[in-house]
Amino acid sequence: MARKHYEGTAEVSDSVYRERMTLDLDAGEVAGSLEAHLAPNGDDSTVVTVTLEVISRGTLSTLFFPVVSEAVARGLPDQVERFVESLDA
């Protein structure tokens, strides 16, 4: 499956330094939020939890939403891993 690039905006809606950040996402027919949460693990490591909520808008996007959500689910874990690796750098 080819990758799909969505142009849109991401605005910080909630942020606590070194704890969490939530972005509100808007790309026209696709919207939602992305939250990254950092928590100490007790062994000098950090647990990173990333939650993505996506909703479709409009009739046409509803028809393609299963394909879009599957593509996002496949790509998000790799992006989270790269994010975590960047924290170690």
PDB file of N, CA and C in Angstrom:
ATOM      1  N   MET A   1       0.837  -1.164   0.000  1.00  0.00           N
ATOM      2  CA  MET A   1       0.000   0.000   0.000  1.00  0.00           C
ATOM      3  C   MET A   1       0.887   1.234   0.000  1.00  0.00           C
ATOM      4  N   ALA A   2       0.528   2.206  -0.808  1.00  0.00           N
ATOM      5  CA  ALA A   2       1.280   3.452  -0.871  1.00  0.00           C
ATOM      6  C   ALA A   2       0.991   4.296   0.367  1.00  0.00           C
ATOM      7  N   ARG A   3       1.978   5.067   0.760  1.00  0.00           N
ATOM      8  CA  ARG A   3       1.789   5.962   1.904  1.00  0.00           C
ATOM      9  C   ARG A   3       0.944   7.150   1.486  1.00  0.00           C
ATOM     10  N   LYS A   4       0.160   7.652   2.434  1.00  0.00           N
ATOM     11  CA  LYS A   4      -0.680   8.829   2.196  1.00  0.00           C
ATOM     12  C   LYS A   4      -0.213   9.932   3.123  1.00  0.00           C
ATOM     13  N   HIS A   5       0.018  11.090   2.575  1.00  0.00           N
ATOM     14  CA  HIS A   5       0.474  12.242   3.342  1.00  0.00           C
ATOM     15  C   HIS A   5      -0.704  13.189   3.529  1.00  0.00           C
ATOM     16  N   TYR A   6      -0.986  13.545   4.763  1.00  0.00           N
ATOM     17  CA  TYR A   6      -2.073  14.465   5.063  1.00  0.00           C
ATOM     18  C   TYR A   6      -1.497  15.798   5.499  1.00  0.00           C
ATOM     19  N   GLU A   7      -1.910  16.875   4.845  1.00  0.00           N
ATOM     20  CA  GLU A   7      -1.543  18.225   5.254  1.00  0.00           C
ATOM     21  C   GLU A   7      -2.560  18.682   6.288  1.00  0.00           C
ATOM     22  N   GLY A   8      -2.095  19.321   7.347  1.00  0.00           N
ATOM     23  CA  GLY A   8      -3.021  19.805   8.354  1.00  0.00           C
ATOM     24  C   GLY A   8      -2.296  20.555   9.443  1.00  0.00           C
ATOM     25  N   THR A   9      -2.962  20.659  10.576  1.00  0.00           N
ATOM     26  CA  THR A   9      -2.382  21.372  11.705  1.00  0.00           C
ATOM     27  C   THR A   9      -2.317  20.469  12.926  1.00  0.00           C
ATOM     28  N   ALA A  10      -1.393  20.789  13.799  1.00  0.00           N
ATOM     29  CA  ALA A  10      -1.268  20.132  15.102  1.00  0.00           C
ATOM     30  C   ALA A  10      -1.005  21.230  16.118  1.00  0.00           C
ATOM     31  N   GLU A  11      -1.903  21.335  17.093  1.00  0.00           N
ATOM     32  CA  GLU A  11      -1.766  22.362  18.118  1.00  0.00           C
ATOM     33  C   GLU A  11      -1.690  21.700  19.490  1.00  0.00           C
ATOM     34  N   VAL A  12      -0.766  22.168  20.323  1.00  0.00           N
ATOM     35  CA  VAL A  12      -0.636  21.647  21.676  1.00  0.00           C
ATOM     36  C   VAL A  12      -1.875  22.056  22.478  1.00  0.00           C
ATOM     37  N   SER A  13      -2.581  21.052  23.013  1.00  0.00           N
ATOM     38  CA  SER A  13      -3.775  21.351  23.813  1.00  0.00           C
ATOM     39  C   SER A  13      -3.529  21.106  25.299  1.00  0.00           C
ATOM     40  N   ASP A  14      -2.482  20.342  25.615  1.00  0.00           N
ATOM     41  CA  ASP A  14      -2.138  20.075  27.010  1.00  0.00           C
ATOM     42  C   ASP A  14      -0.664  19.707  27.066  1.00  0.00           C
ATOM     43  N   SER A  15       0.031  20.201  28.066  1.00  0.00           N
ATOM     44  CA  SER A  15       1.446  19.898  28.183  1.00  0.00           C
ATOM     45  C   SER A  15       1.899  20.050  29.631  1.00  0.00           C
ATOM     46  N   VAL A  16       2.569  19.041  30.128  1.00  0.00           N
ATOM     47  CA  VAL A  16       3.213  19.090  31.433  1.00  0.00           C
ATOM     48  C   VAL A  16       4.660  18.660  31.199  1.00  0.00           C
ATOM     49  N   TYR A  17       5.598  19.572  31.469  1.00  0.00           N
ATOM     50  CA  TYR A  17       7.016  19.345  31.199  1.00  0.00           C
ATOM     51  C   TYR A  17       7.490  18.019  31.782  1.00  0.00           C
ATOM     52  N   ARG A  18       8.136  17.227  30.926  1.00  0.00           N
ATOM     53  CA  ARG A  18       8.703  15.920  31.278  1.00  0.00           C
ATOM     54  C   ARG A  18       7.663  14.904  31.746  1.00  0.00           C
ATOM     55  N   GLU A  19       6.387  15.141  31.418  1.00  0.00           N
ATOM     56  CA  GLU A  19       5.348  14.190  31.796  1.00  0.00           C
ATOM     57  C   GLU A  19       4.451  13.817  30.621  1.00  0.00           C
ATOM     58  N   ARG A  20       3.861  14.824  29.956  1.00  0.00           N
ATOM     59  CA  ARG A  20       2.952  14.509  28.854  1.00  0.00           C
ATOM     60  C   ARG A  20       2.777  15.711  27.933  1.00  0.00           C
ATOM     61  N   MET A  21       2.330  15.393  26.705  1.00  0.00           N
ATOM     62  CA  MET A  21       1.959  16.424  25.752  1.00  0.00           C
ATOM     63  C   MET A  21       0.843  15.861  24.886  1.00  0.00           C
ATOM     64  N   THR A  22      -0.183  16.674  24.666  1.00  0.00           N
ATOM     65  CA  THR A  22      -1.288  16.287  23.805  1.00  0.00           C
ATOM     66  C   THR A  22      -1.394  17.286  22.667  1.00  0.00           C
ATOM     67  N   LEU A  23      -1.503  16.766  21.457  1.00  0.00           N
ATOM     68  CA  LEU A  23      -1.682  17.589  20.268  1.00  0.00           C
ATOM     69  C   LEU A  23      -3.070  17.334  19.695  1.00  0.00           C
ATOM     70  N   ASP A  24      -3.775  18.409  19.355  1.00  0.00           N
ATOM     71  CA  ASP A  24      -5.024  18.292  18.609  1.00  0.00           C
ATOM     72  C   ASP A  24      -4.666  18.346  17.134  1.00  0.00           C
ATOM     73  N   LEU A  25      -5.136  17.361  16.364  1.00  0.00           N
ATOM     74  CA  LEU A  25      -4.793  17.225  14.958  1.00  0.00           C
ATOM     75  C   LEU A  25      -5.995  17.556  14.083  1.00  0.00           C
ATOM     76  N   ASP A  26      -5.751  18.254  12.977  1.00  0.00           N
ATOM     77  CA  ASP A  26      -6.816  18.556  12.027  1.00  0.00           C
ATOM     78  C   ASP A  26      -6.239  18.535  10.617  1.00  0.00           C
ATOM     79  N   ALA A  27      -6.693  17.576   9.826  1.00  0.00           N
ATOM     80  CA  ALA A  27      -6.240  17.464   8.440  1.00  0.00           C
ATOM     81  C   ALA A  27      -7.439  17.416   7.503  1.00  0.00           C
ATOM     82  N   GLY A  28      -8.396  18.263   7.752  1.00  0.00           N
ATOM     83  CA  GLY A  28      -9.573  18.312   6.887  1.00  0.00           C
ATOM     84  C   GLY A  28     -10.544  17.189   7.177  1.00  0.00           C
ATOM     85  N   GLU A  29     -10.465  16.121   6.387  1.00  0.00           N
ATOM     86  CA  GLU A  29     -11.401  15.013   6.559  1.00  0.00           C
ATOM     87  C   GLU A  29     -10.969  14.020   7.633  1.00  0.00           C
ATOM     88  N   VAL A  30      -9.792  14.208   8.198  1.00  0.00           N
ATOM     89  CA  VAL A  30      -9.297  13.369   9.291  1.00  0.00           C
ATOM     90  C   VAL A  30      -8.878  14.286  10.425  1.00  0.00           C
ATOM     91  N   ALA A  31      -9.314  13.988  11.645  1.00  0.00           N
ATOM     92  CA  ALA A  31      -8.964  14.799  12.813  1.00  0.00           C
ATOM     93  C   ALA A  31      -8.754  13.880  14.002  1.00  0.00           C
ATOM     94  N   GLY A  32      -8.242  14.432  15.090  1.00  0.00           N
ATOM     95  CA  GLY A  32      -8.061  13.620  16.285  1.00  0.00           C
ATOM     96  C   GLY A  32      -7.070  14.240  17.238  1.00  0.00           C
ATOM     97  N   SER A  33      -6.437  13.370  18.028  1.00  0.00           N
ATOM     98  CA  SER A  33      -5.442  13.835  18.991  1.00  0.00           C
ATOM     99  C   SER A  33      -4.337  12.800  19.129  1.00  0.00           C
ATOM    100  N   LEU A  34      -3.178  13.291  19.528  1.00  0.00           N
ATOM    101  CA  LEU A  34      -2.008  12.447  19.768  1.00  0.00           C
ATOM    102  C   LEU A  34      -1.462  12.826  21.130  1.00  0.00           C
ATOM    103  N   GLU A  35      -1.317  11.838  22.019  1.00  0.00           N
ATOM    104  CA  GLU A  35      -0.783  12.098  23.355  1.00  0.00           C
ATOM    105  C   GLU A  35       0.454  11.235  23.582  1.00  0.00           C
ATOM    106  N   ALA A  36       1.493  11.867  24.067  1.00  0.00           N
ATOM    107  CA  ALA A  36       2.708  11.166  24.496  1.00  0.00           C
ATOM    108  C   ALA A  36       2.822  11.352  25.998  1.00  0.00           C
ATOM    109  N   HIS A  37       2.961  10.249  26.720  1.00  0.00           N
ATOM    110  CA  HIS A  37       3.026  10.279  28.181  1.00  0.00           C
ATOM    111  C   HIS A  37       4.303   9.578  28.620  1.00  0.00           C
ATOM    112  N   LEU A  38       5.087  10.244  29.457  1.00  0.00           N
ATOM    113  CA  LEU A  38       6.331   9.688  29.993  1.00  0.00           C
ATOM    114  C   LEU A  38       6.129   9.384  31.470  1.00  0.00           C
ATOM    115  N   ALA A  39       6.568   8.185  31.912  1.00  0.00           N
ATOM    116  CA  ALA A  39       6.432   7.806  33.323  1.00  0.00           C
ATOM    117  C   ALA A  39       7.692   7.070  33.767  1.00  0.00           C
ATOM    118  N   PRO A  40       8.231   7.421  34.948  1.00  0.00           N
ATOM    119  CA  PRO A  40       9.392   6.697  35.464  1.00  0.00           C
ATOM    120  C   PRO A  40       9.056   5.228  35.663  1.00  0.00           C
ATOM    121  N   ASN A  41      10.027   4.371  35.360  1.00  0.00           N
ATOM    122  CA  ASN A  41       9.818   2.931  35.483  1.00  0.00           C
ATOM    123  C   ASN A  41      10.412   2.367  36.765  1.00  0.00           C
ATOM    124  N   GLY A  42      11.114   3.190  37.524  1.00  0.00           N
ATOM    125  CA  GLY A  42      11.683   2.740  38.787  1.00  0.00           C
ATOM    126  C   GLY A  42      13.058   2.118  38.672  1.00  0.00           C
ATOM    127  N   ASP A  43      13.491   1.794  37.480  1.00  0.00           N
ATOM    128  CA  ASP A  43      14.815   1.189  37.294  1.00  0.00           C
ATOM    129  C   ASP A  43      15.696   2.091  36.429  1.00  0.00           C
ATOM    130  N   ASP A  44      15.543   3.398  36.619  1.00  0.00           N
ATOM    131  CA  ASP A  44      16.294   4.408  35.875  1.00  0.00           C
ATOM    132  C   ASP A  44      15.940   4.398  34.388  1.00  0.00           C
ATOM    133  N   SER A  45      14.735   3.935  34.069  1.00  0.00           N
ATOM    134  CA  SER A  45      14.250   3.994  32.699  1.00  0.00           C
ATOM    135  C   SER A  45      12.883   4.689  32.693  1.00  0.00           C
ATOM    136  N   THR A  46      12.381   4.944  31.507  1.00  0.00           N
ATOM    137  CA  THR A  46      11.114   5.649  31.357  1.00  0.00           C
ATOM    138  C   THR A  46      10.189   4.855  30.444  1.00  0.00           C
ATOM    139  N   VAL A  47       8.931   4.766  30.840  1.00  0.00           N
ATOM    140  CA  VAL A  47       7.909   4.145  30.007  1.00  0.00           C
ATOM    141  C   VAL A  47       7.285   5.244  29.153  1.00  0.00           C
ATOM    142  N   VAL A  48       7.255   5.027  27.833  1.00  0.00           N
ATOM    143  CA  VAL A  48       6.653   5.980  26.908  1.00  0.00           C
ATOM    144  C   VAL A  48       5.367   5.356  26.366  1.00  0.00           C
ATOM    145  N   THR A  49       4.262   6.060  26.580  1.00  0.00           N
ATOM    146  CA  THR A  49       2.968   5.606  26.063  1.00  0.00           C
ATOM    147  C   THR A  49       2.462   6.645  25.079  1.00  0.00           C
ATOM    148  N   VAL A  50       2.151   6.205  23.872  1.00  0.00           N
ATOM    149  CA  VAL A  50       1.643   7.110  22.850  1.00  0.00           C
ATOM    150  C   VAL A  50       0.245   6.631  22.463  1.00  0.00           C
ATOM    151  N   THR A  51      -0.706   7.565  22.507  1.00  0.00           N
ATOM    152  CA  THR A  51      -2.089   7.261  22.156  1.00  0.00           C
ATOM    153  C   THR A  51      -2.503   8.153  21.000  1.00  0.00           C
ATOM    154  N   LEU A  52      -3.052   7.536  19.974  1.00  0.00           N
ATOM    155  CA  LEU A  52      -3.532   8.275  18.814  1.00  0.00           C
ATOM    156  C   LEU A  52      -5.014   7.987  18.648  1.00  0.00           C
ATOM    157  N   GLU A  53      -5.813   9.051  18.621  1.00  0.00           N
ATOM    158  CA  GLU A  53      -7.240   8.934  18.347  1.00  0.00           C
ATOM    159  C   GLU A  53      -7.514   9.672  17.048  1.00  0.00           C
ATOM    160  N   VAL A  54      -8.159   8.971  16.110  1.00  0.00           N
ATOM    161  CA  VAL A  54      -8.423   9.550  14.805  1.00  0.00           C
ATOM    162  C   VAL A  54      -9.902   9.352  14.480  1.00  0.00           C
ATOM    163  N   ILE A  55     -10.524  10.407  13.962  1.00  0.00           N
ATOM    164  CA  ILE A  55     -11.906  10.304  13.499  1.00  0.00           C
ATOM    165  C   ILE A  55     -11.974  10.789  12.059  1.00  0.00           C
ATOM    166  N   SER A  56     -12.900  10.249  11.323  1.00  0.00           N
ATOM    167  CA  SER A  56     -13.086  10.697   9.948  1.00  0.00           C
ATOM    168  C   SER A  56     -14.243  11.674   9.892  1.00  0.00           C
ATOM    169  N   ARG A  57     -14.163  12.579   8.943  1.00  0.00           N
ATOM    170  CA  ARG A  57     -15.230  13.562   8.720  1.00  0.00           C
ATOM    171  C   ARG A  57     -15.703  13.417   7.276  1.00  0.00           C
ATOM    172  N   GLY A  58     -16.965  13.458   7.078  1.00  0.00           N
ATOM    173  CA  GLY A  58     -17.500  13.417   5.716  1.00  0.00           C
ATOM    174  C   GLY A  58     -17.768  12.007   5.236  1.00  0.00           C
ATOM    175  N   THR A  59     -18.626  11.905   4.255  1.00  0.00           N
ATOM    176  CA  THR A  59     -19.049  10.604   3.730  1.00  0.00           C
ATOM    177  C   THR A  59     -17.919   9.858   3.043  1.00  0.00           C
ATOM    178  N   LEU A  60     -17.174  10.527   2.191  1.00  0.00           N
ATOM    179  CA  LEU A  60     -16.115   9.858   1.448  1.00  0.00           C
ATOM    180  C   LEU A  60     -15.037   9.331   2.379  1.00  0.00           C
ATOM    181  N   SER A  61     -14.635  10.119   3.363  1.00  0.00           N
ATOM    182  CA  SER A  61     -13.579   9.663   4.275  1.00  0.00           C
ATOM    183  C   SER A  61     -14.051   8.479   5.104  1.00  0.00           C
ATOM    184  N   THR A  62     -15.354   8.404   5.412  1.00  0.00           N
ATOM    185  CA  THR A  62     -15.883   7.273   6.166  1.00  0.00           C
ATOM    186  C   THR A  62     -15.717   5.979   5.390  1.00  0.00           C
ATOM    187  N   LEU A  63     -15.870   6.033   4.080  1.00  0.00           N
ATOM    188  CA  LEU A  63     -15.709   4.835   3.253  1.00  0.00           C
ATOM    189  C   LEU A  63     -14.272   4.319   3.287  1.00  0.00           C
ATOM    190  N   PHE A  64     -13.300   5.237   3.333  1.00  0.00           N
ATOM    191  CA  PHE A  64     -11.895   4.845   3.297  1.00  0.00           C
ATOM    192  C   PHE A  64     -11.259   4.741   4.679  1.00  0.00           C
ATOM    193  N   PHE A  65     -12.008   5.042   5.728  1.00  0.00           N
ATOM    194  CA  PHE A  65     -11.427   5.085   7.065  1.00  0.00           C
ATOM    195  C   PHE A  65     -10.786   3.767   7.503  1.00  0.00           C
ATOM    196  N   PRO A  66     -11.371   2.601   7.220  1.00  0.00           N
ATOM    197  CA  PRO A  66     -10.687   1.350   7.612  1.00  0.00           C
ATOM    198  C   PRO A  66      -9.290   1.226   7.006  1.00  0.00           C
ATOM    199  N   VAL A  67      -9.124   1.645   5.770  1.00  0.00           N
ATOM    200  CA  VAL A  67      -7.814   1.595   5.122  1.00  0.00           C
ATOM    201  C   VAL A  67      -6.861   2.585   5.776  1.00  0.00           C
ATOM    202  N   VAL A  68      -7.349   3.794   6.053  1.00  0.00           N
ATOM    203  CA  VAL A  68      -6.527   4.824   6.688  1.00  0.00           C
ATOM    204  C   VAL A  68      -6.101   4.384   8.079  1.00  0.00           C
ATOM    205  N   SER A  69      -7.033   3.861   8.871  1.00  0.00           N
ATOM    206  CA  SER A  69      -6.696   3.471  10.242  1.00  0.00           C
ATOM    207  C   SER A  69      -5.697   2.320  10.262  1.00  0.00           C
ATOM    208  N   GLU A  70      -5.798   1.400   9.316  1.00  0.00           N
ATOM    209  CA  GLU A  70      -4.825   0.304   9.248  1.00  0.00           C
ATOM    210  C   GLU A  70      -3.436   0.829   8.904  1.00  0.00           C
ATOM    211  N   ALA A  71      -3.366   1.769   7.969  1.00  0.00           N
ATOM    212  CA  ALA A  71      -2.075   2.347   7.584  1.00  0.00           C
ATOM    213  C   ALA A  71      -1.442   3.108   8.735  1.00  0.00           C
ATOM    214  N   VAL A  72      -2.243   3.860   9.481  1.00  0.00           N
ATOM    215  CA  VAL A  72      -1.730   4.593  10.644  1.00  0.00           C
ATOM    216  C   VAL A  72      -1.225   3.614  11.693  1.00  0.00           C
ATOM    217  N   ALA A  73      -1.980   2.570  11.942  1.00  0.00           N
ATOM    218  CA  ALA A  73      -1.579   1.585  12.953  1.00  0.00           C
ATOM    219  C   ALA A  73      -0.262   0.902  12.589  1.00  0.00           C
ATOM    220  N   ARG A  74      -0.030   0.667  11.309  1.00  0.00           N
ATOM    221  CA  ARG A  74       1.223   0.026  10.900  1.00  0.00           C
ATOM    222  C   ARG A  74       2.408   0.971  11.033  1.00  0.00           C
ATOM    223  N   GLY A  75       2.201   2.266  10.759  1.00  0.00           N
ATOM    224  CA  GLY A  75       3.319   3.207  10.773  1.00  0.00           C
ATOM    225  C   GLY A  75       3.629   3.800  12.133  1.00  0.00           C
ATOM    226  N   LEU A  76       2.642   3.898  13.012  1.00  0.00           N
ATOM    227  CA  LEU A  76       2.839   4.560  14.303  1.00  0.00           C
ATOM    228  C   LEU A  76       3.863   3.862  15.192  1.00  0.00           C
ATOM    229  N   PRO A  77       3.858   2.538  15.326  1.00  0.00           N
ATOM    230  CA  PRO A  77       4.862   1.908  16.203  1.00  0.00           C
ATOM    231  C   PRO A  77       6.301   2.235  15.807  1.00  0.00           C
ATOM    232  N   ASP A  78       6.607   2.268  14.508  1.00  0.00           N
ATOM    233  CA  ASP A  78       7.956   2.622  14.072  1.00  0.00           C
ATOM    234  C   ASP A  78       8.300   4.060  14.431  1.00  0.00           C
ATOM    235  N   GLN A  79       7.344   4.954  14.277  1.00  0.00           N
ATOM    236  CA  GLN A  79       7.589   6.349  14.612  1.00  0.00           C
ATOM    237  C   GLN A  79       7.803   6.529  16.111  1.00  0.00           C
ATOM    238  N   VAL A  80       7.071   5.777  16.914  1.00  0.00           N
ATOM    239  CA  VAL A  80       7.256   5.844  18.371  1.00  0.00           C
ATOM    240  C   VAL A  80       8.642   5.337  18.739  1.00  0.00           C
ATOM    241  N   GLU A  81       9.073   4.242  18.121  1.00  0.00           N
ATOM    242  CA  GLU A  81      10.419   3.715  18.401  1.00  0.00           C
ATOM    243  C   GLU A  81      11.490   4.748  18.057  1.00  0.00           C
ATOM    244  N   ARG A  82      11.349   5.419  16.921  1.00  0.00           N
ATOM    245  CA  ARG A  82      12.317   6.450  16.555  1.00  0.00           C
ATOM    246  C   ARG A  82      12.293   7.615  17.545  1.00  0.00           C
ATOM    247  N   PHE A  83      11.101   7.965  18.017  1.00  0.00           N
ATOM    248  CA  PHE A  83      10.975   9.026  19.028  1.00  0.00           C
ATOM    249  C   PHE A  83      11.715   8.636  20.301  1.00  0.00           C
ATOM    250  N   VAL A  84      11.528   7.413  20.757  1.00  0.00           N
ATOM    251  CA  VAL A  84      12.181   6.943  21.988  1.00  0.00           C
ATOM    252  C   VAL A  84      13.690   6.924  21.788  1.00  0.00           C
ATOM    253  N   GLU A  85      14.147   6.456  20.636  1.00  0.00           N
ATOM    254  CA  GLU A  85      15.583   6.451  20.362  1.00  0.00           C
ATOM    255  C   GLU A  85      16.165   7.855  20.390  1.00  0.00           C
ATOM    256  N   SER A  86      15.401   8.840  19.931  1.00  0.00           N
ATOM    257  CA  SER A  86      15.892  10.221  19.946  1.00  0.00           C
ATOM    258  C   SER A  86      16.019  10.752  21.366  1.00  0.00           C
ATOM    259  N   LEU A  87      15.224  10.220  22.291  1.00  0.00           N
ATOM    260  CA  LEU A  87      15.334  10.636  23.693  1.00  0.00           C
ATOM    261  C   LEU A  87      16.640  10.142  24.303  1.00  0.00           C
ATOM    262  N   ASP A  88      17.128   8.989  23.833  1.00  0.00           N
ATOM    263  CA  ASP A  88      18.378   8.430  24.362  1.00  0.00           C
ATOM    264  C   ASP A  88      19.600   9.171  23.855  1.00  0.00           C
ATOM    265  N   ALA A  89      19.452   9.872  22.733  1.00  0.00           N
ATOM    266  CA  ALA A  89      20.607  10.540  22.087  1.00  0.00           C
ATOM    267  C   ALA A  89      21.062  11.746  22.889  1.00  0.00           C
TER     268      ALA A  89
END
